[in-house]
Protein backbone atom coordinates (compact mmCIF):
# COMPACT_ATOMS: atom_id res chain seq x y z
CA MET A 1 14.34 -31.81 32.47
CA GLU A 2 11.08 -30.24 33.45
CA ASN A 3 12.87 -27.03 33.78
CA LEU A 4 13.88 -27.25 30.27
CA VAL A 5 10.33 -28.69 29.05
CA LYS A 6 8.71 -25.34 30.59
CA LYS A 7 11.44 -23.01 28.97
CA LEU A 8 10.76 -24.39 25.85
CA GLU A 9 7.13 -24.03 26.14
CA GLU A 10 7.52 -20.10 27.21
CA GLN A 11 9.58 -19.92 24.08
CA ILE A 12 7.10 -21.69 21.69
CA SER A 13 4.53 -19.62 23.10
CA PHE A 14 6.69 -16.27 22.79
CA LEU A 15 7.30 -17.19 19.25
CA GLN A 16 3.64 -17.95 18.50
CA ASN A 17 2.28 -14.41 19.65
CA GLU A 18 5.46 -12.90 17.82
CA ILE A 19 4.15 -14.77 14.44
CA SER A 20 0.28 -13.93 14.95
CA GLN A 21 1.58 -9.97 15.32
CA MET A 22 3.57 -10.50 12.52
CA SER A 23 0.78 -11.81 10.28
CA ASP A 24 -1.67 -9.31 11.72
CA GLU A 25 0.93 -6.33 10.53
CA LEU A 26 1.27 -8.31 7.06
CA TYR A 27 -2.42 -8.50 6.42
CA SER A 28 -2.66 -4.74 7.34
CA GLN A 29 -0.16 -3.65 5.06
CA GLN A 30 -1.42 -6.05 1.94
CA LYS A 31 -4.50 -3.91 2.81
CA GLU A 32 -2.65 -0.52 2.43
CA VAL A 33 -0.81 -1.76 -0.65
CA LEU A 34 -4.20 -2.22 -2.55
CA VAL A 35 -5.40 0.80 -1.62
CA LEU A 36 -2.33 2.33 -2.95
CA LYS A 37 -2.69 0.50 -5.83
CA LYS A 38 -5.91 1.50 -6.51
CA GLN A 39 -4.93 5.37 -5.92
CA ILE A 40 -2.31 4.81 -8.27
CA LEU A 41 -4.21 3.39 -10.91
CA ASN A 42 -6.94 6.34 -10.56
CA ILE A 43 -3.98 8.79 -11.18
CA GLU A 44 -2.80 7.36 -14.00
CA LYS A 45 -6.25 6.94 -15.63
CA ARG A 46 -7.07 10.70 -14.73
CA ILE A 47 -3.29 11.80 -16.58
CA ASP A 48 -4.58 9.77 -19.47
CA GLU A 49 -8.06 11.61 -19.65
CA LEU A 50 -6.17 15.31 -19.34
CA GLU A 51 -3.63 14.55 -22.15
CA ARG A 52 -6.01 13.16 -24.85
CA SER A 53 -8.60 15.87 -23.70
CA ASP A 54 -5.99 18.08 -24.75
CA ASP A 55 -6.41 18.99 -28.71
CA GLU A 56 -3.34 21.00 -28.93
CA GLY A 57 -0.93 18.16 -27.71
CA MET A 58 0.34 20.46 -24.93
CA VAL A 59 -0.02 18.74 -21.38
CA MET A 60 -3.20 20.84 -19.69
CA ILE A 61 -0.42 21.93 -17.12
CA ASP A 62 1.35 24.18 -19.51
CA LYS A 63 -1.64 25.96 -20.84
CA LYS A 64 -2.37 29.28 -19.57
CA PRO A 65 -5.96 29.35 -18.24
CA PRO A 66 -8.80 30.93 -20.54
CA HIS A 67 -8.86 34.23 -18.71
CA TYR A 68 -5.30 35.06 -19.77
């Protein structure tokens, strides 16, 4: 019986460690997702600004530079 209790304690300890590692990784991924969402919003905002600044209706990428 004592052996069984020791084995269960080891398993619990192992699982607690695994849960802690998973929690740390999840936290890290959540921070990364927030950064990526902010970057996407900034890119979308920049695209909207570029499209609105074009007075001829063409996307700026399709226009030739002024020196042509």
